């Protein structure tokens, strides 16, 4: 078989192979190669006497344009990740920025708050009375760093 013998279904099979590669690596790269191959297959079906040079040129152009378009779209519309897995074993990080009421006064820089069904040790630079609203500024292991909420 030579390049002159390529027919539309060869491009469709190539598109399916690229889709399988995409499913295996999920890099959003092979998807655009698959799209280009599928479109070239459809064009070749409509225009059967298209030369192989034109087919590969169209495939490369469609693949590059669609990949570039995807990159531009992603730059303008970044994905919102709910949980990237970086805080999997750092539960305290989910409380940063939230406010809670002190269950135990902060004396000598240490106190406690109740969050949901857990009690957390908190630290602050100054002493704060029990019942005062505090805002979590950071987490250090199992200790939440807080400051008086304004």
N, C-alpha and C. Protein backbone atom coordinates (compact mmCIF):
# COMPACT_ATOMS: atom_id res chain seq x y z
N UNK A 1 0.84 -1.18 0.00
CA UNK A 1 0.00 0.00 0.00
C UNK A 1 0.89 1.24 0.00
N UNK A 2 0.56 2.19 -0.81
CA UNK A 2 1.30 3.44 -0.89
C UNK A 2 0.42 4.59 -0.40
N UNK A 3 0.99 5.76 -0.31
CA UNK A 3 0.23 6.91 0.15
C UNK A 3 -0.91 7.27 -0.80
N UNK A 4 -0.74 6.95 -2.08
CA UNK A 4 -1.80 7.22 -3.05
C UNK A 4 -3.03 6.34 -2.82
N UNK A 5 -2.86 5.23 -2.08
CA UNK A 5 -3.96 4.29 -1.85
C UNK A 5 -4.82 4.65 -0.63
N UNK A 6 -4.52 5.75 0.04
CA UNK A 6 -5.28 6.12 1.23
C UNK A 6 -6.70 6.49 0.83
N UNK A 7 -7.68 5.90 1.56
CA UNK A 7 -9.09 6.23 1.36
C UNK A 7 -9.65 6.80 2.66
N UNK A 8 -10.87 7.29 2.60
CA UNK A 8 -11.46 8.01 3.73
C UNK A 8 -11.45 7.22 5.03
N UNK A 9 -11.73 5.93 4.95
CA UNK A 9 -11.82 5.16 6.18
C UNK A 9 -10.48 4.99 6.86
N UNK A 10 -9.38 5.12 6.14
CA UNK A 10 -8.06 5.10 6.78
C UNK A 10 -7.93 6.28 7.75
N UNK A 11 -8.42 7.43 7.31
CA UNK A 11 -8.38 8.60 8.17
C UNK A 11 -9.29 8.43 9.39
N UNK A 12 -10.44 7.81 9.19
CA UNK A 12 -11.35 7.59 10.32
C UNK A 12 -10.76 6.61 11.32
N UNK A 13 -10.07 5.59 10.83
CA UNK A 13 -9.40 4.66 11.74
C UNK A 13 -8.29 5.39 12.49
N UNK A 14 -7.54 6.25 11.77
CA UNK A 14 -6.49 7.04 12.44
C UNK A 14 -7.11 7.93 13.52
N UNK A 15 -8.28 8.52 13.21
CA UNK A 15 -8.97 9.33 14.20
C UNK A 15 -9.35 8.53 15.44
N UNK A 16 -9.84 7.30 15.23
CA UNK A 16 -10.18 6.44 16.37
C UNK A 16 -8.94 6.08 17.18
N UNK A 17 -7.84 5.81 16.51
CA UNK A 17 -6.59 5.48 17.21
C UNK A 17 -6.13 6.67 18.05
N UNK A 18 -6.20 7.87 17.47
CA UNK A 18 -5.84 9.07 18.24
C UNK A 18 -6.78 9.27 19.43
N UNK A 19 -8.05 8.96 19.27
CA UNK A 19 -8.99 9.06 20.40
C UNK A 19 -8.64 8.07 21.50
N UNK A 20 -8.24 6.87 21.13
CA UNK A 20 -7.82 5.88 22.13
C UNK A 20 -6.59 6.39 22.86
N UNK A 21 -5.62 6.94 22.12
CA UNK A 21 -4.43 7.52 22.77
C UNK A 21 -4.84 8.62 23.74
N UNK A 22 -5.79 9.47 23.33
CA UNK A 22 -6.25 10.55 24.19
C UNK A 22 -6.87 10.01 25.47
N UNK A 23 -7.64 8.94 25.35
CA UNK A 23 -8.26 8.35 26.54
C UNK A 23 -7.21 7.77 27.48
N UNK A 24 -6.11 7.31 26.93
CA UNK A 24 -5.05 6.73 27.76
C UNK A 24 -4.21 7.78 28.45
N UNK A 25 -3.96 8.91 27.80
CA UNK A 25 -3.08 9.91 28.39
C UNK A 25 -3.78 11.18 28.83
N UNK A 26 -4.97 11.44 28.37
CA UNK A 26 -5.77 12.64 28.70
C UNK A 26 -4.93 13.91 28.73
N UNK A 27 -4.25 14.19 27.62
CA UNK A 27 -3.40 15.38 27.54
C UNK A 27 -4.02 16.46 26.69
N UNK A 28 -5.19 16.24 26.11
CA UNK A 28 -5.83 17.16 25.18
C UNK A 28 -4.90 17.51 24.03
N UNK A 29 -4.14 16.54 23.57
CA UNK A 29 -3.29 16.71 22.41
C UNK A 29 -3.78 15.81 21.27
N UNK A 30 -3.92 14.54 21.57
CA UNK A 30 -4.36 13.58 20.55
C UNK A 30 -5.79 13.84 20.11
N UNK A 31 -6.57 14.51 20.95
CA UNK A 31 -7.95 14.85 20.59
C UNK A 31 -7.99 15.69 19.32
N UNK A 32 -7.07 16.64 19.19
CA UNK A 32 -7.05 17.53 18.05
C UNK A 32 -6.51 16.83 16.81
N UNK A 33 -5.60 15.89 17.00
CA UNK A 33 -5.14 15.07 15.88
C UNK A 33 -6.29 14.20 15.37
N UNK A 34 -7.08 13.67 16.31
CA UNK A 34 -8.24 12.86 15.94
C UNK A 34 -9.27 13.70 15.19
N UNK A 35 -9.50 14.91 15.64
CA UNK A 35 -10.46 15.79 14.97
C UNK A 35 -10.00 16.08 13.54
N UNK A 36 -8.72 16.37 13.38
CA UNK A 36 -8.19 16.63 12.06
C UNK A 36 -8.32 15.42 11.15
N UNK A 37 -8.01 14.23 11.66
CA UNK A 37 -8.11 13.01 10.85
C UNK A 37 -9.56 12.73 10.46
N UNK A 38 -10.48 12.94 11.38
CA UNK A 38 -11.90 12.70 11.09
C UNK A 38 -12.40 13.66 10.01
N UNK A 39 -12.02 14.92 10.11
CA UNK A 39 -12.45 15.91 9.12
C UNK A 39 -11.84 15.61 7.75
N UNK A 40 -10.56 15.23 7.73
CA UNK A 40 -9.93 14.89 6.45
C UNK A 40 -10.61 13.65 5.86
N UNK A 41 -10.97 12.68 6.69
CA UNK A 41 -11.70 11.51 6.20
C UNK A 41 -13.03 11.91 5.56
N UNK A 42 -13.74 12.84 6.18
CA UNK A 42 -15.02 13.30 5.62
C UNK A 42 -14.79 14.05 4.31
N UNK A 43 -13.74 14.88 4.26
CA UNK A 43 -13.43 15.59 3.01
C UNK A 43 -13.05 14.62 1.90
N UNK A 44 -12.26 13.60 2.26
CA UNK A 44 -11.84 12.61 1.27
C UNK A 44 -13.03 11.78 0.78
N UNK A 45 -13.99 11.57 1.64
CA UNK A 45 -15.20 10.86 1.24
C UNK A 45 -15.98 11.68 0.22
N UNK A 46 -16.01 13.00 0.44
CA UNK A 46 -16.72 13.90 -0.47
C UNK A 46 -15.93 14.16 -1.75
N UNK A 47 -14.60 14.20 -1.62
CA UNK A 47 -13.73 14.48 -2.78
C UNK A 47 -12.71 13.33 -2.87
N UNK A 48 -13.09 12.19 -3.47
CA UNK A 48 -12.23 11.00 -3.46
C UNK A 48 -10.91 11.14 -4.20
N UNK A 49 -10.76 12.06 -5.13
CA UNK A 49 -9.52 12.15 -5.89
C UNK A 49 -8.53 13.17 -5.31
N UNK A 50 -8.69 13.52 -4.04
CA UNK A 50 -7.78 14.45 -3.37
C UNK A 50 -6.42 13.78 -3.18
N UNK A 51 -5.34 14.45 -3.53
CA UNK A 51 -3.99 13.91 -3.40
C UNK A 51 -3.57 13.77 -1.94
N UNK A 52 -2.65 12.84 -1.70
CA UNK A 52 -2.22 12.59 -0.32
C UNK A 52 -1.49 13.80 0.27
N UNK A 53 -0.81 14.59 -0.56
CA UNK A 53 -0.12 15.77 -0.05
C UNK A 53 -1.13 16.77 0.51
N UNK A 54 -2.22 16.96 -0.19
CA UNK A 54 -3.27 17.88 0.27
C UNK A 54 -3.92 17.33 1.54
N UNK A 55 -4.15 16.02 1.58
CA UNK A 55 -4.76 15.40 2.75
C UNK A 55 -3.92 15.66 4.01
N UNK A 56 -2.61 15.41 3.91
CA UNK A 56 -1.75 15.59 5.07
C UNK A 56 -1.60 17.06 5.44
N UNK A 57 -1.62 17.93 4.44
CA UNK A 57 -1.55 19.37 4.72
C UNK A 57 -2.80 19.83 5.46
N UNK A 58 -3.96 19.40 4.98
CA UNK A 58 -5.22 19.77 5.64
C UNK A 58 -5.25 19.20 7.06
N UNK A 59 -4.82 17.94 7.22
CA UNK A 59 -4.81 17.31 8.55
C UNK A 59 -3.90 18.09 9.51
N UNK A 60 -2.71 18.45 9.05
CA UNK A 60 -1.78 19.20 9.90
C UNK A 60 -2.35 20.57 10.25
N UNK A 61 -2.93 21.24 9.25
CA UNK A 61 -3.49 22.57 9.50
C UNK A 61 -4.65 22.51 10.49
N UNK A 62 -5.58 21.58 10.28
CA UNK A 62 -6.72 21.46 11.20
C UNK A 62 -6.25 21.11 12.60
N UNK A 63 -5.30 20.20 12.70
CA UNK A 63 -4.79 19.79 14.02
C UNK A 63 -4.14 20.97 14.74
N UNK A 64 -3.30 21.72 14.02
CA UNK A 64 -2.61 22.85 14.65
C UNK A 64 -3.57 23.98 15.02
N UNK A 65 -4.49 24.29 14.12
CA UNK A 65 -5.45 25.37 14.40
C UNK A 65 -6.34 25.00 15.58
N UNK A 66 -6.82 23.76 15.61
CA UNK A 66 -7.71 23.37 16.72
C UNK A 66 -6.94 23.30 18.04
N UNK A 67 -5.68 22.81 18.01
CA UNK A 67 -4.87 22.80 19.23
C UNK A 67 -4.59 24.22 19.70
N UNK A 68 -4.24 25.10 18.78
CA UNK A 68 -4.00 26.50 19.15
C UNK A 68 -5.26 27.16 19.68
N UNK A 69 -6.40 26.88 19.05
CA UNK A 69 -7.67 27.43 19.54
C UNK A 69 -7.99 26.95 20.93
N UNK A 70 -7.72 25.67 21.21
CA UNK A 70 -7.95 25.12 22.54
C UNK A 70 -7.06 25.81 23.57
N UNK A 71 -5.78 26.01 23.23
CA UNK A 71 -4.86 26.67 24.16
C UNK A 71 -5.32 28.10 24.46
N UNK A 72 -5.76 28.83 23.44
CA UNK A 72 -6.26 30.19 23.64
C UNK A 72 -7.51 30.18 24.51
N UNK A 73 -8.42 29.26 24.22
CA UNK A 73 -9.65 29.15 25.01
C UNK A 73 -9.33 28.86 26.47
N UNK A 74 -8.40 27.92 26.73
CA UNK A 74 -8.06 27.57 28.12
C UNK A 74 -7.36 28.72 28.83
N UNK A 75 -6.59 29.51 28.11
CA UNK A 75 -5.93 30.66 28.73
C UNK A 75 -6.96 31.70 29.14
N UNK A 76 -7.99 31.89 28.30
CA UNK A 76 -9.03 32.87 28.61
C UNK A 76 -10.05 32.35 29.61
N UNK A 77 -10.22 31.02 29.68
CA UNK A 77 -11.21 30.40 30.56
C UNK A 77 -10.54 29.29 31.37
N UNK A 78 -9.75 29.64 32.38
CA UNK A 78 -9.06 28.60 33.14
C UNK A 78 -10.06 27.70 33.88
N UNK A 79 -9.67 26.46 34.01
CA UNK A 79 -10.53 25.49 34.70
C UNK A 79 -10.59 25.82 36.18
N UNK A 80 -11.75 25.66 36.76
CA UNK A 80 -11.92 25.86 38.19
C UNK A 80 -11.80 24.50 38.84
N UNK A 81 -10.74 24.32 39.57
CA UNK A 81 -10.50 23.04 40.23
C UNK A 81 -11.05 23.12 41.65
N UNK A 82 -11.94 22.22 41.97
CA UNK A 82 -12.50 22.21 43.32
C UNK A 82 -11.50 21.65 44.31
N UNK A 83 -10.82 20.58 43.93
CA UNK A 83 -9.83 19.98 44.81
C UNK A 83 -8.76 19.35 43.95
N UNK A 84 -7.57 19.89 44.01
CA UNK A 84 -6.50 19.38 43.18
C UNK A 84 -5.75 18.23 43.84
N UNK A 85 -6.20 17.79 45.01
CA UNK A 85 -5.56 16.67 45.69
C UNK A 85 -4.40 17.08 46.57
N UNK A 86 -3.97 18.35 46.49
CA UNK A 86 -2.83 18.78 47.28
C UNK A 86 -3.16 18.88 48.76
N UNK A 87 -4.44 19.04 49.09
CA UNK A 87 -4.82 19.17 50.50
C UNK A 87 -5.52 17.91 51.01
N UNK A 88 -5.26 16.78 50.35
CA UNK A 88 -5.94 15.54 50.70
C UNK A 88 -5.75 15.20 52.18
N UNK A 89 -4.54 15.28 52.67
CA UNK A 89 -4.27 14.95 54.07
C UNK A 89 -4.01 16.20 54.91
N UNK A 90 -4.50 17.34 54.46
CA UNK A 90 -4.33 18.60 55.16
C UNK A 90 -5.70 19.23 55.35
N UNK A 91 -6.50 18.62 56.18
CA UNK A 91 -7.89 19.02 56.35
C UNK A 91 -8.04 20.45 56.84
N UNK A 92 -7.10 20.93 57.61
CA UNK A 92 -7.19 22.28 58.16
C UNK A 92 -7.16 23.36 57.10
N UNK A 93 -6.57 23.08 55.95
CA UNK A 93 -6.49 24.09 54.89
C UNK A 93 -7.86 24.50 54.37
N UNK A 94 -8.86 23.63 54.50
CA UNK A 94 -10.19 23.99 54.00
C UNK A 94 -10.87 25.03 54.88
N UNK A 95 -10.34 25.28 56.06
CA UNK A 95 -10.93 26.26 56.96
C UNK A 95 -10.31 27.65 56.84
N UNK A 96 -9.24 27.77 56.07
CA UNK A 96 -8.57 29.06 55.92
C UNK A 96 -9.54 30.05 55.28
N UNK A 97 -9.66 31.21 55.90
CA UNK A 97 -10.55 32.25 55.41
C UNK A 97 -11.93 32.22 56.06
N UNK A 98 -12.25 31.14 56.78
CA UNK A 98 -13.56 31.05 57.43
C UNK A 98 -13.47 31.58 58.86
N UNK A 99 -14.62 31.98 59.39
CA UNK A 99 -14.68 32.52 60.76
C UNK A 99 -15.43 31.54 61.66
N UNK A 100 -14.98 31.46 62.91
CA UNK A 100 -15.58 30.58 63.91
C UNK A 100 -15.60 31.28 65.25
N UNK A 101 -16.38 30.73 66.18
CA UNK A 101 -16.46 31.29 67.53
C UNK A 101 -15.55 30.48 68.46
N UNK A 102 -14.78 31.19 69.27
CA UNK A 102 -13.87 30.52 70.21
C UNK A 102 -14.65 29.75 71.27
N UNK A 103 -14.33 28.50 71.45
CA UNK A 103 -14.94 27.67 72.50
C UNK A 103 -14.12 27.78 73.79
N UNK A 104 -12.85 28.05 73.63
CA UNK A 104 -11.96 28.20 74.77
C UNK A 104 -11.09 29.42 74.50
N UNK A 105 -10.99 30.31 75.45
CA UNK A 105 -10.24 31.55 75.25
C UNK A 105 -8.80 31.26 74.84
N UNK A 106 -8.26 32.16 74.05
CA UNK A 106 -6.85 32.04 73.69
C UNK A 106 -6.03 32.74 74.76
N UNK A 107 -5.30 31.93 75.50
CA UNK A 107 -4.45 32.42 76.58
C UNK A 107 -3.03 31.98 76.27
N UNK A 108 -2.08 32.91 76.38
CA UNK A 108 -0.69 32.64 76.04
C UNK A 108 -0.56 32.08 74.61
N UNK A 109 -1.42 32.57 73.72
CA UNK A 109 -1.33 32.21 72.31
C UNK A 109 -2.02 30.94 71.90
N UNK A 110 -2.71 30.23 72.84
CA UNK A 110 -3.32 28.95 72.51
C UNK A 110 -4.75 28.86 73.00
N UNK A 111 -5.64 28.28 72.19
CA UNK A 111 -7.04 28.10 72.56
C UNK A 111 -7.67 27.02 71.71
N UNK A 112 -9.02 26.96 71.68
CA UNK A 112 -9.73 25.92 70.92
C UNK A 112 -10.99 26.48 70.28
N UNK A 113 -11.32 25.93 69.12
CA UNK A 113 -12.58 26.23 68.46
C UNK A 113 -13.23 24.90 68.09
N UNK A 114 -14.54 24.96 67.91
CA UNK A 114 -15.27 23.78 67.46
C UNK A 114 -15.69 24.02 66.01
N UNK A 115 -15.30 23.09 65.14
CA UNK A 115 -15.63 23.16 63.73
C UNK A 115 -16.36 21.88 63.37
N UNK A 116 -17.63 22.04 62.97
CA UNK A 116 -18.48 20.88 62.66
C UNK A 116 -18.50 19.94 63.85
N UNK A 117 -17.94 18.75 63.72
CA UNK A 117 -17.97 17.80 64.83
C UNK A 117 -16.58 17.60 65.45
N UNK A 118 -15.67 18.54 65.19
CA UNK A 118 -14.30 18.41 65.69
C UNK A 118 -13.89 19.63 66.49
N UNK A 119 -12.98 19.41 67.40
CA UNK A 119 -12.40 20.50 68.17
C UNK A 119 -10.97 20.69 67.66
N UNK A 120 -10.63 21.94 67.34
CA UNK A 120 -9.32 22.25 66.79
C UNK A 120 -8.57 23.16 67.74
N UNK A 121 -7.29 22.90 67.88
CA UNK A 121 -6.42 23.79 68.64
C UNK A 121 -6.10 24.98 67.75
N UNK A 122 -6.15 26.17 68.34
CA UNK A 122 -5.86 27.39 67.59
C UNK A 122 -4.75 28.16 68.28
N UNK A 123 -4.04 28.93 67.48
CA UNK A 123 -2.99 29.80 68.01
C UNK A 123 -3.19 31.20 67.44
N UNK A 124 -2.90 32.19 68.27
CA UNK A 124 -2.99 33.58 67.85
C UNK A 124 -1.88 34.37 68.51
N UNK A 125 -1.57 35.52 67.93
CA UNK A 125 -0.49 36.36 68.47
C UNK A 125 -0.90 37.03 69.77
N UNK A 126 -2.21 37.29 69.95
CA UNK A 126 -2.67 37.97 71.16
C UNK A 126 -3.75 37.11 71.84
N UNK A 127 -3.98 37.38 73.11
CA UNK A 127 -5.03 36.67 73.85
C UNK A 127 -6.39 37.17 73.37
N UNK A 128 -7.35 36.22 73.23
CA UNK A 128 -8.71 36.56 72.78
C UNK A 128 -9.69 35.86 73.68
N UNK A 129 -10.78 36.54 74.08
CA UNK A 129 -11.78 35.99 75.00
C UNK A 129 -12.62 34.90 74.36
N UNK A 130 -13.14 34.00 75.20
CA UNK A 130 -14.06 32.96 74.76
C UNK A 130 -15.31 33.60 74.17
N UNK A 131 -15.85 33.00 73.10
CA UNK A 131 -17.05 33.50 72.46
C UNK A 131 -16.79 34.54 71.38
N UNK A 132 -15.55 34.94 71.22
CA UNK A 132 -15.19 35.93 70.20
C UNK A 132 -15.07 35.24 68.84
N UNK A 133 -15.50 35.95 67.81
CA UNK A 133 -15.35 35.43 66.44
C UNK A 133 -13.89 35.57 66.02
N UNK A 134 -13.33 34.49 65.48
CA UNK A 134 -11.96 34.51 64.97
C UNK A 134 -11.97 34.02 63.53
N UNK A 135 -11.00 34.51 62.78
CA UNK A 135 -10.86 34.11 61.37
C UNK A 135 -9.59 33.28 61.23
N UNK A 136 -9.70 32.15 60.54
CA UNK A 136 -8.55 31.27 60.33
C UNK A 136 -7.69 31.87 59.21
N UNK A 137 -6.42 32.11 59.51
CA UNK A 137 -5.51 32.70 58.53
C UNK A 137 -4.62 31.67 57.85
N UNK A 138 -4.34 30.56 58.56
CA UNK A 138 -3.53 29.50 57.97
C UNK A 138 -3.67 28.25 58.83
N UNK A 139 -3.12 27.15 58.32
CA UNK A 139 -3.14 25.90 59.06
C UNK A 139 -1.73 25.34 59.10
N UNK A 140 -1.34 24.87 60.27
CA UNK A 140 -0.03 24.25 60.44
C UNK A 140 -0.25 22.87 61.03
N UNK A 141 -0.41 21.88 60.17
CA UNK A 141 -0.74 20.54 60.64
C UNK A 141 -2.13 20.52 61.22
N UNK A 142 -2.22 20.21 62.54
CA UNK A 142 -3.52 20.16 63.20
C UNK A 142 -3.81 21.42 64.01
N UNK A 143 -3.01 22.44 63.84
CA UNK A 143 -3.19 23.69 64.55
C UNK A 143 -3.59 24.77 63.55
N UNK A 144 -4.69 25.45 63.87
CA UNK A 144 -5.16 26.54 63.02
C UNK A 144 -4.66 27.87 63.58
N UNK A 145 -4.09 28.68 62.72
CA UNK A 145 -3.63 30.02 63.10
C UNK A 145 -4.81 30.97 62.87
N UNK A 146 -5.15 31.76 63.90
CA UNK A 146 -6.32 32.63 63.82
C UNK A 146 -5.97 34.05 64.22
N UNK A 147 -6.92 34.94 63.89
CA UNK A 147 -6.85 36.32 64.37
C UNK A 147 -8.28 36.75 64.63
N UNK A 148 -8.44 37.78 65.46
CA UNK A 148 -9.77 38.27 65.76
C UNK A 148 -10.45 38.73 64.47
N UNK A 149 -11.70 38.28 64.27
CA UNK A 149 -12.43 38.67 63.07
C UNK A 149 -12.88 40.11 63.21
N UNK A 150 -12.84 40.84 62.13
CA UNK A 150 -13.24 42.25 62.20
C UNK A 150 -14.68 42.43 61.83
